[in-house]
Amino acid sequence: MSRVFVTDCEGPVSLNDNAYEAAATFIPDGDRFFRKVSEFDDILADEIKRPGYNAGDTLKLIVPFLVAYGVTDEKLIEFSEKTLKLVPGAADFLGIAQRLMPSYIVSTSYRHYIEALCRATGFPLENAYYTRLSLNTEISEDERRRLFRLREDVIEGDFELLDEIFFQIIPKMEIGGILDGVRTVGGEGKRLALMEILDELGLNQEAAMYVGDSITDVEPLRELKGRGLSVSFNGNRFALREAEIAVISDDSRALMPLLDLHSRFGREYIIEFVKAYTENPERALESFRLDFRVADKFRELFRDSYPVIAIIDDPDELLEDSLDMRMGIRGEDVGSLG
């Protein structure tokens, strides 16, 4: 059977949360502002499960504010290129993935950031899904000043006030029209992207491996659970709850054994490998049919301390270590976001 590899971007491939960092840079108190909107997003997507709302729509909700504070496409492209930070080994890992099988990035990130990442890693942009929008739009001074005031209300407001701001007030403003064309690739959007990839390749879920780390990956991880290969890489509670395998590492190449085995074997063989690896990593590397170059490279990289690769029986047992690694390499501000 042919195989396909699909990964989230921010987390498994890059260390950034580009939208958070852009908000923190261009919007006054933008870190607090973005965090408040992100918490609002988590409630809507995970607790309330509002119909038609996707995890990651934070990136849609903040667009009018970015415009109000003078962020253009050109500014966001320049910012994304300057601030791009990759997980160690990510470019190498993406190259290996592409040599083994069709490989895709499915990300909630803005196109400006994904274009910068693809240029830096050599990953083909045509194999990336991302949130498409243009920030180059006119805004009246009256609406600009109104959004300045609403920013303060968002920071200090409760759920009901944020619900009113984002779903009643802003949609009635002229700048609210920019949101009509924004479709974030998060949550259900990522699952649909995964299914579109499978359909184009003529494959089913059993042929797919998906790697994610956050609330925006819940739906694609759930789609493959028990059928394909659903993997959490330094995942938070949302990703660990839905994935079947956890990888915890400061280097993306910790995923190499799973990637190599997935390119040639079914999920049951990989599950058995992971169970054996948990008991004795070195014995598993020797006993299972890994490409010897992958096994040797893995030993070379992690000779001092093998990364965690484990079946997720109880997400809570892995959560502390996964979060520690997540925040250790991405920073507490970014790592603590949903």
C-alpha atoms as a PDB file:
ATOM      1  CA  MET A   1       0.000   0.000   0.000  1.00  0.00           C
ATOM      2  CA  SER A   2       1.195   3.526  -0.776  1.00  0.00           C
ATOM      3  CA  ARG A   3       1.641   5.768   2.255  1.00  0.00           C
ATOM      4  CA  VAL A   4       1.327   9.465   3.054  1.00  0.00           C
ATOM      5  CA  PHE A   5       2.761  11.638   5.803  1.00  0.00           C
ATOM      6  CA  VAL A   6       0.958  14.738   7.085  1.00  0.00           C
ATOM      7  CA  THR A   7       2.193  17.040   9.823  1.00  0.00           C
ATOM      8  CA  ASP A   8       1.169  20.171  11.636  1.00  0.00           C
ATOM      9  CA  CYS A   9       3.711  22.980  11.353  1.00  0.00           C
ATOM     10  CA  GLU A  10       4.035  24.957  14.581  1.00  0.00           C
ATOM     11  CA  GLY A  11       5.188  22.403  17.156  1.00  0.00           C
ATOM     12  CA  PRO A  12       6.491  19.427  15.173  1.00  0.00           C
ATOM     13  CA  VAL A  13       8.359  21.544  12.588  1.00  0.00           C
ATOM     14  CA  SER A  14       8.776  25.061  13.961  1.00  0.00           C
ATOM     15  CA  LEU A  15       9.075  26.591  17.405  1.00  0.00           C
ATOM     16  CA  ASN A  16       6.997  29.668  16.655  1.00  0.00           C
ATOM     17  CA  ASP A  17       3.448  30.616  17.281  1.00  0.00           C
ATOM     18  CA  ASN A  18       3.578  33.140  14.485  1.00  0.00           C
ATOM     19  CA  ALA A  19       0.179  34.742  15.106  1.00  0.00           C
ATOM     20  CA  TYR A  20       0.871  35.149  18.827  1.00  0.00           C
ATOM     21  CA  GLU A  21       4.284  36.641  18.131  1.00  0.00           C
ATOM     22  CA  ALA A  22       2.885  39.007  15.507  1.00  0.00           C
ATOM     23  CA  ALA A  23       0.135  40.166  17.882  1.00  0.00           C
ATOM     24  CA  ALA A  24       2.657  40.665  20.677  1.00  0.00           C
ATOM     25  CA  THR A  25       4.854  42.738  18.356  1.00  0.00           C
ATOM     26  CA  PHE A  26       2.345  44.911  16.529  1.00  0.00           C
ATOM     27  CA  ILE A  27      -0.555  45.276  18.996  1.00  0.00           C
ATOM     28  CA  PRO A  28      -0.144  47.052  22.353  1.00  0.00           C
ATOM     29  CA  ASP A  29      -0.325  44.438  25.123  1.00  0.00           C
ATOM     30  CA  GLY A  30      -0.708  42.035  22.229  1.00  0.00           C
ATOM     31  CA  ASP A  31       0.534  39.078  24.230  1.00  0.00           C
ATOM     32  CA  ARG A  32      -2.286  39.501  26.742  1.00  0.00           C
ATOM     33  CA  PHE A  33      -4.744  40.242  23.950  1.00  0.00           C
ATOM     34  CA  PHE A  34      -3.860  37.107  21.976  1.00  0.00           C
ATOM     35  CA  ARG A  35      -3.862  34.879  25.042  1.00  0.00           C
ATOM     36  CA  LYS A  36      -7.345  36.080  25.961  1.00  0.00           C
ATOM     37  CA  VAL A  37      -8.657  35.396  22.461  1.00  0.00           C
ATOM     38  CA  SER A  38      -6.931  31.992  22.462  1.00  0.00           C
ATOM     39  CA  GLU A  39      -8.640  31.049  25.737  1.00  0.00           C
ATOM     40  CA  PHE A  40     -11.946  32.179  24.215  1.00  0.00           C
ATOM     41  CA  ASP A  41     -11.172  29.974  21.201  1.00  0.00           C
ATOM     42  CA  ASP A  42     -10.498  26.944  23.436  1.00  0.00           C
ATOM     43  CA  ILE A  43     -13.852  27.356  25.180  1.00  0.00           C
ATOM     44  CA  LEU A  44     -15.772  27.692  21.918  1.00  0.00           C
ATOM     45  CA  ALA A  45     -14.040  24.723  20.274  1.00  0.00           C
ATOM     46  CA  ASP A  46     -13.577  22.278  23.156  1.00  0.00           C
ATOM     47  CA  GLU A  47     -16.216  23.067  25.775  1.00  0.00           C
ATOM     48  CA  ILE A  48     -19.146  24.665  23.972  1.00  0.00           C
ATOM     49  CA  LYS A  49     -18.369  23.064  20.597  1.00  0.00           C
ATOM     50  CA  ARG A  50     -20.163  25.869  18.787  1.00  0.00           C
ATOM     51  CA  PRO A  51     -21.400  24.697  15.371  1.00  0.00           C
ATOM     52  CA  GLY A  52     -19.335  26.113  12.526  1.00  0.00           C
ATOM     53  CA  TYR A  53     -16.521  27.216  14.808  1.00  0.00           C
ATOM     54  CA  ASN A  54     -13.085  25.640  14.328  1.00  0.00           C
ATOM     55  CA  ALA A  55     -10.242  25.425  16.822  1.00  0.00           C
ATOM     56  CA  GLY A  56      -7.660  27.940  15.669  1.00  0.00           C
ATOM     57  CA  ASP A  57     -10.178  30.558  14.559  1.00  0.00           C
ATOM     58  CA  THR A  58      -8.224  32.870  16.864  1.00  0.00           C
ATOM     59  CA  LEU A  59      -6.248  33.675  13.710  1.00  0.00           C
ATOM     60  CA  LYS A  60      -9.449  34.841  12.047  1.00  0.00           C
ATOM     61  CA  LEU A  61     -10.763  36.824  15.007  1.00  0.00           C
ATOM     62  CA  ILE A  62      -7.619  38.946  15.399  1.00  0.00           C
ATOM     63  CA  VAL A  63      -7.363  39.984  11.735  1.00  0.00           C
ATOM     64  CA  PRO A  64      -9.283  43.292  12.065  1.00  0.00           C
ATOM     65  CA  PHE A  65      -6.998  44.268  14.947  1.00  0.00           C
ATOM     66  CA  LEU A  66      -3.850  43.515  12.948  1.00  0.00           C
ATOM     67  CA  VAL A  67      -5.191  45.716  10.152  1.00  0.00           C
ATOM     68  CA  ALA A  68      -6.096  48.476  12.622  1.00  0.00           C
ATOM     69  CA  TYR A  69      -2.537  48.537  13.919  1.00  0.00           C
ATOM     70  CA  GLY A  70      -1.058  48.839  10.461  1.00  0.00           C
ATOM     71  CA  VAL A  71       0.034  45.281   9.737  1.00  0.00           C
ATOM     72  CA  THR A  72       0.221  44.649   5.987  1.00  0.00           C
ATOM     73  CA  ASP A  73       1.073  41.540   3.984  1.00  0.00           C
ATOM     74  CA  GLU A  74       4.555  42.917   3.415  1.00  0.00           C
ATOM     75  CA  LYS A  75       5.131  43.580   7.113  1.00  0.00           C
ATOM     76  CA  LEU A  76       3.920  40.115   8.128  1.00  0.00           C
ATOM     77  CA  ILE A  77       6.081  38.414   5.482  1.00  0.00           C
ATOM     78  CA  GLU A  78       9.165  40.312   6.662  1.00  0.00           C
ATOM     79  CA  PHE A  79       8.328  39.602  10.300  1.00  0.00           C
ATOM     80  CA  SER A  80       7.784  35.896   9.609  1.00  0.00           C
ATOM     81  CA  GLU A  81      11.101  35.557   7.807  1.00  0.00           C
ATOM     82  CA  LYS A  82      13.024  37.340  10.553  1.00  0.00           C
ATOM     83  CA  THR A  83      11.482  35.426  13.455  1.00  0.00           C
ATOM     84  CA  LEU A  84      11.231  31.917  11.961  1.00  0.00           C
ATOM     85  CA  LYS A  85      12.692  29.288  14.311  1.00  0.00           C
ATOM     86  CA  LEU A  86      12.758  25.594  13.460  1.00  0.00           C
ATOM     87  CA  VAL A  87      12.673  22.647  15.822  1.00  0.00           C
ATOM     88  CA  PRO A  88      16.180  21.122  15.729  1.00  0.00           C
ATOM     89  CA  GLY A  89      16.356  18.554  12.951  1.00  0.00           C
ATOM     90  CA  ALA A  90      13.126  19.709  11.310  1.00  0.00           C
ATOM     91  CA  ALA A  91      14.537  20.499   7.866  1.00  0.00           C
ATOM     92  CA  ASP A  92      16.384  17.179   7.814  1.00  0.00           C
ATOM     93  CA  PHE A  93      13.282  15.322   8.939  1.00  0.00           C
ATOM     94  CA  LEU A  94      11.073  16.934   6.286  1.00  0.00           C
ATOM     95  CA  GLY A  95      13.629  15.970   3.657  1.00  0.00           C
ATOM     96  CA  ILE A  96      13.571  12.340   4.812  1.00  0.00           C
ATOM     97  CA  ALA A  97       9.771  12.325   4.789  1.00  0.00           C
ATOM     98  CA  GLN A  98       9.643  13.607   1.213  1.00  0.00           C
ATOM     99  CA  ARG A  99      12.068  10.940   0.038  1.00  0.00           C
ATOM    100  CA  LEU A 100       9.995   8.171   1.618  1.00  0.00           C
ATOM    101  CA  MET A 101       6.470   9.144   0.577  1.00  0.00           C
ATOM    102  CA  PRO A 102       4.172  12.031  -0.408  1.00  0.00           C
ATOM    103  CA  SER A 103       4.403  14.508   2.463  1.00  0.00           C
ATOM    104  CA  TYR A 104       2.247  17.479   3.438  1.00  0.00           C
ATOM    105  CA  ILE A 105       2.088  20.284   5.980  1.00  0.00           C
ATOM    106  CA  VAL A 106      -1.393  21.149   7.236  1.00  0.00           C
ATOM    107  CA  SER A 107      -1.245  24.299   9.342  1.00  0.00           C
ATOM    108  CA  THR A 108      -3.551  26.911  10.808  1.00  0.00           C
ATOM    109  CA  SER A 109      -0.777  29.480  10.282  1.00  0.00           C
ATOM    110  CA  TYR A 110      -1.143  32.416   7.916  1.00  0.00           C
ATOM    111  CA  ARG A 111       0.188  31.950   4.364  1.00  0.00           C
ATOM    112  CA  HIS A 112       2.862  34.589   5.042  1.00  0.00           C
ATOM    113  CA  TYR A 113       4.488  32.352   7.642  1.00  0.00           C
ATOM    114  CA  ILE A 114       4.139  29.079   5.725  1.00  0.00           C
ATOM    115  CA  GLU A 115       5.722  30.656   2.651  1.00  0.00           C
ATOM    116  CA  ALA A 116       8.674  31.746   4.799  1.00  0.00           C
ATOM    117  CA  LEU A 117       8.990  28.278   6.304  1.00  0.00           C
ATOM    118  CA  CYS A 118       8.864  26.555   2.922  1.00  0.00           C
ATOM    119  CA  ARG A 119      11.580  28.849   1.584  1.00  0.00           C
ATOM    120  CA  ALA A 120      13.765  28.091   4.606  1.00  0.00           C
ATOM    121  CA  THR A 121      13.316  24.303   4.518  1.00  0.00           C
ATOM    122  CA  GLY A 122      12.901  23.651   0.809  1.00  0.00           C
ATOM    123  CA  PHE A 123       9.495  22.102   1.428  1.00  0.00           C
ATOM    124  CA  PRO A 124       7.174  22.500  -1.599  1.00  0.00           C
ATOM    125  CA  LEU A 125       4.564  25.179  -0.954  1.00  0.00           C
ATOM    126  CA  GLU A 126       2.103  23.297  -3.157  1.00  0.00           C
ATOM    127  CA  ASN A 127       2.104  20.522  -0.531  1.00  0.00           C
ATOM    128  CA  ALA A 128       1.121  22.896   2.264  1.00  0.00           C
ATOM    129  CA  TYR A 129      -2.347  23.830   3.525  1.00  0.00           C
ATOM    130  CA  TYR A 130      -2.648  27.086   5.454  1.00  0.00           C
ATOM    131  CA  THR A 131      -4.917  30.030   6.279  1.00  0.00           C
ATOM    132  CA  ARG A 132      -5.199  32.290   3.245  1.00  0.00           C
ATOM    133  CA  LEU A 133      -5.857  35.997   3.628  1.00  0.00           C
ATOM    134  CA  SER A 134      -4.600  39.427   2.684  1.00  0.00           C
ATOM    135  CA  LEU A 135      -4.125  42.163   5.249  1.00  0.00           C
ATOM    136  CA  ASN A 136      -3.831  44.876   2.604  1.00  0.00           C
ATOM    137  CA  THR A 137      -7.238  46.459   3.039  1.00  0.00           C
ATOM    138  CA  GLU A 138      -8.546  49.932   3.785  1.00  0.00           C
ATOM    139  CA  ILE A 139      -9.920  50.868   7.195  1.00  0.00           C
ATOM    140  CA  SER A 140     -11.554  54.130   8.244  1.00  0.00           C
ATOM    141  CA  GLU A 141     -10.056  56.141  11.071  1.00  0.00           C
ATOM    142  CA  ASP A 142     -13.320  55.858  13.009  1.00  0.00           C
ATOM    143  CA  GLU A 143     -13.216  52.059  12.867  1.00  0.00           C
ATOM    144  CA  ARG A 144      -9.489  52.031  13.628  1.00  0.00           C
ATOM    145  CA  ARG A 145     -10.057  54.020  16.816  1.00  0.00           C
ATOM    146  CA  ARG A 146     -13.027  51.816  17.704  1.00  0.00           C
ATOM    147  CA  LEU A 147     -10.870  48.691  17.408  1.00  0.00           C
ATOM    148  CA  PHE A 148      -8.260  50.344  19.613  1.00  0.00           C
ATOM    149  CA  ARG A 149     -10.929  50.656  22.324  1.00  0.00           C
ATOM    150  CA  LEU A 150     -12.250  47.139  21.699  1.00  0.00           C
ATOM    151  CA  ARG A 151      -8.738  45.763  22.192  1.00  0.00           C
ATOM    152  CA  GLU A 152      -8.859  47.012  25.769  1.00  0.00           C
ATOM    153  CA  ASP A 153     -12.313  45.481  26.243  1.00  0.00           C
ATOM    154  CA  VAL A 154     -11.061  42.110  24.976  1.00  0.00           C
ATOM    155  CA  ILE A 155      -8.167  42.091  27.430  1.00  0.00           C
ATOM    156  CA  GLU A 156     -10.361  42.926  30.402  1.00  0.00           C
ATOM    157  CA  GLY A 157     -13.602  41.254  29.286  1.00  0.00           C
ATOM    158  CA  ASP A 158     -15.322  38.008  30.209  1.00  0.00           C
ATOM    159  CA  PHE A 159     -16.633  35.349  27.843  1.00  0.00           C
ATOM    160  CA  GLU A 160     -19.958  37.107  27.250  1.00  0.00           C
ATOM    161  CA  LEU A 161     -18.261  40.377  26.300  1.00  0.00           C
ATOM    162  CA  LEU A 162     -15.834  38.667  23.925  1.00  0.00           C
ATOM    163  CA  ASP A 163     -18.742  36.796  22.359  1.00  0.00           C
ATOM    164  CA  GLU A 164     -20.503  40.104  21.753  1.00  0.00           C
ATOM    165  CA  ILE A 165     -17.371  41.794  20.365  1.00  0.00           C
ATOM    166  CA  PHE A 166     -16.394  39.049  17.932  1.00  0.00           C
ATOM    167  CA  PHE A 167     -19.809  37.809  16.826  1.00  0.00           C
ATOM    168  CA  GLN A 168     -22.008  40.891  17.020  1.00  0.00           C
ATOM    169  CA  ILE A 169     -20.011  44.126  17.015  1.00  0.00           C
ATOM    170  CA  ILE A 170     -17.143  43.459  14.592  1.00  0.00           C
ATOM    171  CA  PRO A 171     -19.239  41.621  11.946  1.00  0.00           C
ATOM    172  CA  LYS A 172     -21.406  44.757  11.661  1.00  0.00           C
ATOM    173  CA  MET A 173     -18.373  46.995  11.074  1.00  0.00           C
ATOM    174  CA  GLU A 174     -17.097  47.645   7.563  1.00  0.00           C
ATOM    175  CA  ILE A 175     -13.751  46.014   8.438  1.00  0.00           C
ATOM    176  CA  GLY A 176     -15.686  42.937   9.491  1.00  0.00           C
ATOM    177  CA  GLY A 177     -16.176  42.166   5.818  1.00  0.00           C
ATOM    178  CA  ILE A 178     -12.556  41.027   5.604  1.00  0.00           C
ATOM    179  CA  LEU A 179     -13.498  37.991   7.683  1.00  0.00           C
ATOM    180  CA  ASP A 180     -15.946  36.670   5.095  1.00  0.00           C
ATOM    181  CA  GLY A 181     -13.118  35.313   2.965  1.00  0.00           C
ATOM    182  CA  VAL A 182     -10.972  33.891   5.782  1.00  0.00           C
ATOM    183  CA  ARG A 183     -11.149  30.135   6.254  1.00  0.00           C
ATOM    184  CA  THR A 184      -8.746  28.986   8.935  1.00  0.00           C
ATOM    185  CA  VAL A 185      -7.214  25.542   8.523  1.00  0.00           C
ATOM    186  CA  GLY A 186      -7.732  24.371  12.075  1.00  0.00           C
ATOM    187  CA  GLY A 187      -9.781  21.691  13.799  1.00  0.00           C
ATOM    188  CA  GLU A 188     -12.324  20.434  11.288  1.00  0.00           C
ATOM    189  CA  GLY A 189     -10.452  22.377   8.605  1.00  0.00           C
ATOM    190  CA  LYS A 190      -7.396  20.224   9.202  1.00  0.00           C
ATOM    191  CA  ARG A 191      -9.446  17.038   9.069  1.00  0.00           C
ATOM    192  CA  LEU A 192     -10.961  18.132   5.763  1.00  0.00           C
ATOM    193  CA  ALA A 193      -7.484  18.918   4.427  1.00  0.00           C
ATOM    194  CA  LEU A 194      -6.328  15.440   5.462  1.00  0.00           C
ATOM    195  CA  MET A 195      -9.302  13.835   3.734  1.00  0.00           C
ATOM    196  CA  GLU A 196      -8.709  15.919   0.598  1.00  0.00           C
ATOM    197  CA  ILE A 197      -5.095  14.714   0.478  1.00  0.00           C
ATOM    198  CA  LEU A 198      -6.181  11.094   0.850  1.00  0.00           C
ATOM    199  CA  ASP A 199      -8.830  11.507  -1.826  1.00  0.00           C
ATOM    200  CA  GLU A 200      -6.381  13.066  -4.286  1.00  0.00           C
ATOM    201  CA  LEU A 201      -3.913  10.208  -3.719  1.00  0.00           C
ATOM    202  CA  GLY A 202      -6.606   7.527  -3.825  1.00  0.00           C
ATOM    203  CA  LEU A 203      -5.744   6.348  -0.299  1.00  0.00           C
ATOM    204  CA  ASN A 204      -7.719   5.559   2.849  1.00  0.00           C
ATOM    205  CA  GLN A 205      -7.069   6.461   6.480  1.00  0.00           C
ATOM    206  CA  GLU A 206      -4.956   3.335   7.037  1.00  0.00           C
ATOM    207  CA  ALA A 207      -2.325   4.799   4.713  1.00  0.00           C
ATOM    208  CA  ALA A 208      -1.851   8.039   6.647  1.00  0.00           C
ATOM    209  CA  MET A 209       0.409   9.194   9.462  1.00  0.00           C
ATOM    210  CA  TYR A 210      -0.492  12.505  11.094  1.00  0.00           C
ATOM    211  CA  VAL A 211       1.631  14.404  13.623  1.00  0.00           C
ATOM    212  CA  GLY A 212       0.156  17.191  15.742  1.00  0.00           C
ATOM    213  CA  ASP A 213       0.566  18.889  19.085  1.00  0.00           C
ATOM    214  CA  SER A 214      -2.411  21.088  19.977  1.00  0.00           C
ATOM    215  CA  ILE A 215      -6.158  21.693  19.993  1.00  0.00           C
ATOM    216  CA  THR A 216      -6.154  22.484  16.263  1.00  0.00           C
ATOM    217  CA  ASP A 217      -5.015  18.878  15.605  1.00  0.00           C
ATOM    218  CA  VAL A 218      -7.781  17.118  17.529  1.00  0.00           C
ATOM    219  CA  GLU A 219      -9.978  16.297  14.527  1.00  0.00           C
ATOM    220  CA  PRO A 220      -7.302  14.830  12.212  1.00  0.00           C
ATOM    221  CA  LEU A 221      -5.753  12.864  15.089  1.00  0.00           C
ATOM    222  CA  ARG A 222      -9.192  11.512  15.964  1.00  0.00           C
ATOM    223  CA  GLU A 223      -9.862  10.672  12.316  1.00  0.00           C
ATOM    224  CA  LEU A 224      -6.829   8.377  12.146  1.00  0.00           C
ATOM    225  CA  LYS A 225      -6.948   6.914  15.639  1.00  0.00           C
ATOM    226  CA  GLY A 226      -7.250   3.145  15.400  1.00  0.00           C
ATOM    227  CA  ARG A 227      -6.932   3.244  11.605  1.00  0.00           C
ATOM    228  CA  GLY A 228      -3.845   5.145  10.531  1.00  0.00           C
ATOM    229  CA  LEU A 229      -1.068   6.488  12.712  1.00  0.00           C
ATOM    230  CA  SER A 230      -1.971   9.404  14.997  1.00  0.00           C
ATOM    231  CA  VAL A 231       1.050  10.898  16.745  1.00  0.00           C
ATOM    232  CA  SER A 232       1.443  13.632  19.360  1.00  0.00           C
ATOM    233  CA  PHE A 233       4.802  15.436  19.257  1.00  0.00           C
ATOM    234  CA  ASN A 234       5.367  17.314  22.525  1.00  0.00           C
ATOM    235  CA  GLY A 235       1.601  17.604  22.619  1.00  0.00           C
ATOM    236  CA  ASN A 236      -0.561  19.449  25.095  1.00  0.00           C
ATOM    237  CA  ARG A 237      -3.585  17.889  26.782  1.00  0.00           C
ATOM    238  CA  PHE A 238      -5.747  18.212  23.666  1.00  0.00           C
ATOM    239  CA  ALA A 239      -3.329  16.350  21.398  1.00  0.00           C
ATOM    240  CA  LEU A 240      -2.451  13.657  23.950  1.00  0.00           C
ATOM    241  CA  ARG A 241      -6.138  12.995  24.502  1.00  0.00           C
ATOM    242  CA  GLU A 242      -6.686  12.124  20.834  1.00  0.00           C
ATOM    243  CA  ALA A 243      -3.397  10.662  19.604  1.00  0.00           C
ATOM    244  CA  GLU A 244      -2.391   7.013  19.879  1.00  0.00           C
ATOM    245  CA  ILE A 245       1.386   7.473  20.116  1.00  0.00           C
ATOM    246  CA  ALA A 246       3.337  10.143  22.011  1.00  0.00           C
ATOM    247  CA  VAL A 247       6.793  11.337  21.020  1.00  0.00           C
ATOM    248  CA  ILE A 248       8.581  13.655  23.437  1.00  0.00           C
ATOM    249  CA  SER A 249      11.841  15.163  22.228  1.00  0.00           C
ATOM    250  CA  ASP A 250      13.760  18.358  21.534  1.00  0.00           C
ATOM    251  CA  ASP A 251      14.549  17.126  17.999  1.00  0.00           C
ATOM    252  CA  SER A 252      12.070  16.386  15.191  1.00  0.00           C
ATOM    253  CA  ARG A 253      14.215  13.469  14.078  1.00  0.00           C
ATOM    254  CA  ALA A 254      12.891  11.519  17.050  1.00  0.00           C
ATOM    255  CA  LEU A 255      10.015  10.769  14.665  1.00  0.00           C
ATOM    256  CA  MET A 256      12.306   9.016  12.154  1.00  0.00           C
ATOM    257  CA  PRO A 257      11.664   5.406  13.266  1.00  0.00           C
ATOM    258  CA  LEU A 258       7.898   5.877  13.034  1.00  0.00           C
ATOM    259  CA  LEU A 259       8.216   7.559   9.670  1.00  0.00           C
ATOM    260  CA  ASP A 260      10.463   4.829   8.266  1.00  0.00           C
ATOM    261  CA  LEU A 261       8.252   1.990   9.512  1.00  0.00           C
ATOM    262  CA  HIS A 262       5.085   3.743   8.356  1.00  0.00           C
ATOM    263  CA  SER A 263       6.478   3.972   4.825  1.00  0.00           C
ATOM    264  CA  ARG A 264       6.663   0.165   4.616  1.00  0.00           C
ATOM    265  CA  PHE A 265       4.475  -1.488   7.265  1.00  0.00           C
ATOM    266  CA  GLY A 266       0.989  -1.353   8.735  1.00  0.00           C
ATOM    267  CA  ARG A 267      -0.034   0.236  12.010  1.00  0.00           C
ATOM    268  CA  GLU A 268      -0.048  -3.016  14.018  1.00  0.00           C
ATOM    269  CA  TYR A 269       3.632  -3.600  13.300  1.00  0.00           C
ATOM    270  CA  ILE A 270       4.390  -0.025  14.356  1.00  0.00           C
ATOM    271  CA  ILE A 271       2.348  -0.377  17.537  1.00  0.00           C
ATOM    272  CA  GLU A 272       4.373  -3.473  18.407  1.00  0.00           C
ATOM    273  CA  PHE A 273       7.586  -1.553  17.740  1.00  0.00           C
ATOM    274  CA  VAL A 274       6.506   1.263  20.064  1.00  0.00           C
ATOM    275  CA  LYS A 275       5.625  -1.190  22.835  1.00  0.00           C
ATOM    276  CA  ALA A 276       9.006  -2.888  22.453  1.00  0.00           C
ATOM    277  CA  TYR A 277      10.795   0.471  22.328  1.00  0.00           C
ATOM    278  CA  THR A 278       9.167   1.517  25.601  1.00  0.00           C
ATOM    279  CA  GLU A 279      10.601  -1.601  27.244  1.00  0.00           C
ATOM    280  CA  ASN A 280      14.060  -1.463  25.647  1.00  0.00           C
ATOM    281  CA  PRO A 281      14.833   1.123  22.937  1.00  0.00           C
ATOM    282  CA  GLU A 282      18.074  -0.475  21.762  1.00  0.00           C
ATOM    283  CA  ARG A 283      16.559  -3.924  21.456  1.00  0.00           C
ATOM    284  CA  ALA A 284      13.626  -2.528  19.491  1.00  0.00           C
ATOM    285  CA  LEU A 285      15.968  -0.739  17.090  1.00  0.00           C
ATOM    286  CA  GLU A 286      17.771  -4.033  16.507  1.00  0.00           C
ATOM    287  CA  SER A 287      14.760  -6.358  16.375  1.00  0.00           C
ATOM    288  CA  PHE A 288      12.376  -4.499  14.083  1.00  0.00           C
ATOM    289  CA  ARG A 289      12.876  -3.983  10.382  1.00  0.00           C
ATOM    290  CA  LEU A 290      14.083  -0.396  10.467  1.00  0.00           C
ATOM    291  CA  ASP A 291      16.249   0.879   7.651  1.00  0.00           C
ATOM    292  CA  PHE A 292      19.753   0.457   9.094  1.00  0.00           C
ATOM    293  CA  ARG A 293      20.611   4.040   8.118  1.00  0.00           C
ATOM    294  CA  VAL A 294      17.659   5.325  10.147  1.00  0.00           C
ATOM    295  CA  ALA A 295      18.577   3.167  13.146  1.00  0.00           C
ATOM    296  CA  ASP A 296      22.236   4.265  13.012  1.00  0.00           C
ATOM    297  CA  LYS A 297      21.308   7.952  12.651  1.00  0.00           C
ATOM    298  CA  PHE A 298      18.848   7.653  15.528  1.00  0.00           C
ATOM    299  CA  ARG A 299      21.511   6.111  17.781  1.00  0.00           C
ATOM    300  CA  GLU A 300      24.001   8.801  16.788  1.00  0.00           C
ATOM    301  CA  LEU A 301      21.581  11.619  17.567  1.00  0.00           C
ATOM    302  CA  PHE A 302      20.221  10.271  20.841  1.00  0.00           C
ATOM    303  CA  ARG A 303      23.068   8.168  22.202  1.00  0.00           C
ATOM    304  CA  ASP A 304      23.010  10.026  25.526  1.00  0.00           C
ATOM    305  CA  SER A 305      19.267   9.844  26.085  1.00  0.00           C
ATOM    306  CA  TYR A 306      16.670   8.169  23.896  1.00  0.00           C
ATOM    307  CA  PRO A 307      13.488  10.214  23.374  1.00  0.00           C
ATOM    308  CA  VAL A 308      10.125   9.064  24.666  1.00  0.00           C
ATOM    309  CA  ILE A 309       8.121   7.077  22.099  1.00  0.00           C
ATOM    310  CA  ALA A 310       5.143   5.517  23.839  1.00  0.00           C
ATOM    311  CA  ILE A 311       1.616   4.249  23.414  1.00  0.00           C
ATOM    312  CA  ILE A 312      -0.843   6.647  25.045  1.00  0.00           C
ATOM    313  CA  ASP A 313      -2.838   4.518  27.467  1.00  0.00           C
ATOM    314  CA  ASP A 314      -3.377   7.298  30.003  1.00  0.00           C
ATOM    315  CA  PRO A 315      -2.706  10.811  28.648  1.00  0.00           C
ATOM    316  CA  ASP A 316      -2.206  12.166  32.168  1.00  0.00           C
ATOM    317  CA  GLU A 317       0.805   9.904  32.694  1.00  0.00           C
ATOM    318  CA  LEU A 318       2.639  11.587  29.811  1.00  0.00           C
ATOM    319  CA  LEU A 319       1.250  15.103  30.107  1.00  0.00           C
ATOM    320  CA  GLU A 320       3.794  16.570  32.536  1.00  0.00           C
ATOM    321  CA  ASP A 321       6.816  15.360  30.567  1.00  0.00           C
ATOM    322  CA  SER A 322       5.253  16.397  27.260  1.00  0.00           C
ATOM    323  CA  LEU A 323       4.447  19.894  28.537  1.00  0.00           C
ATOM    324  CA  ASP A 324       7.882  20.286  30.117  1.00  0.00           C
ATOM    325  CA  MET A 325       9.525  19.506  26.782  1.00  0.00           C
ATOM    326  CA  ARG A 326       7.030  21.643  24.885  1.00  0.00           C
ATOM    327  CA  MET A 327       7.709  24.681  27.045  1.00  0.00           C
ATOM    328  CA  GLY A 328      11.389  23.909  27.312  1.00  0.00           C
ATOM    329  CA  ILE A 329      11.999  24.232  23.585  1.00  0.00           C
ATOM    330  CA  ARG A 330       9.244  26.690  22.617  1.00  0.00           C
ATOM    331  CA  GLY A 331       9.172  28.878  25.719  1.00  0.00           C
ATOM    332  CA  GLU A 332       6.426  29.096  28.318  1.00  0.00           C
ATOM    333  CA  ASP A 333       4.458  31.814  26.521  1.00  0.00           C
ATOM    334  CA  VAL A 334       4.110  29.854  23.286  1.00  0.00           C
ATOM    335  CA  GLY A 335       4.126  26.391  24.846  1.00  0.00           C
ATOM    336  CA  SER A 336       1.209  27.133  27.150  1.00  0.00           C
ATOM    337  CA  LEU A 337      -1.150  28.182  24.341  1.00  0.00           C
ATOM    338  CA  GLY A 338      -3.923  25.750  23.395  1.00  0.00           C
END
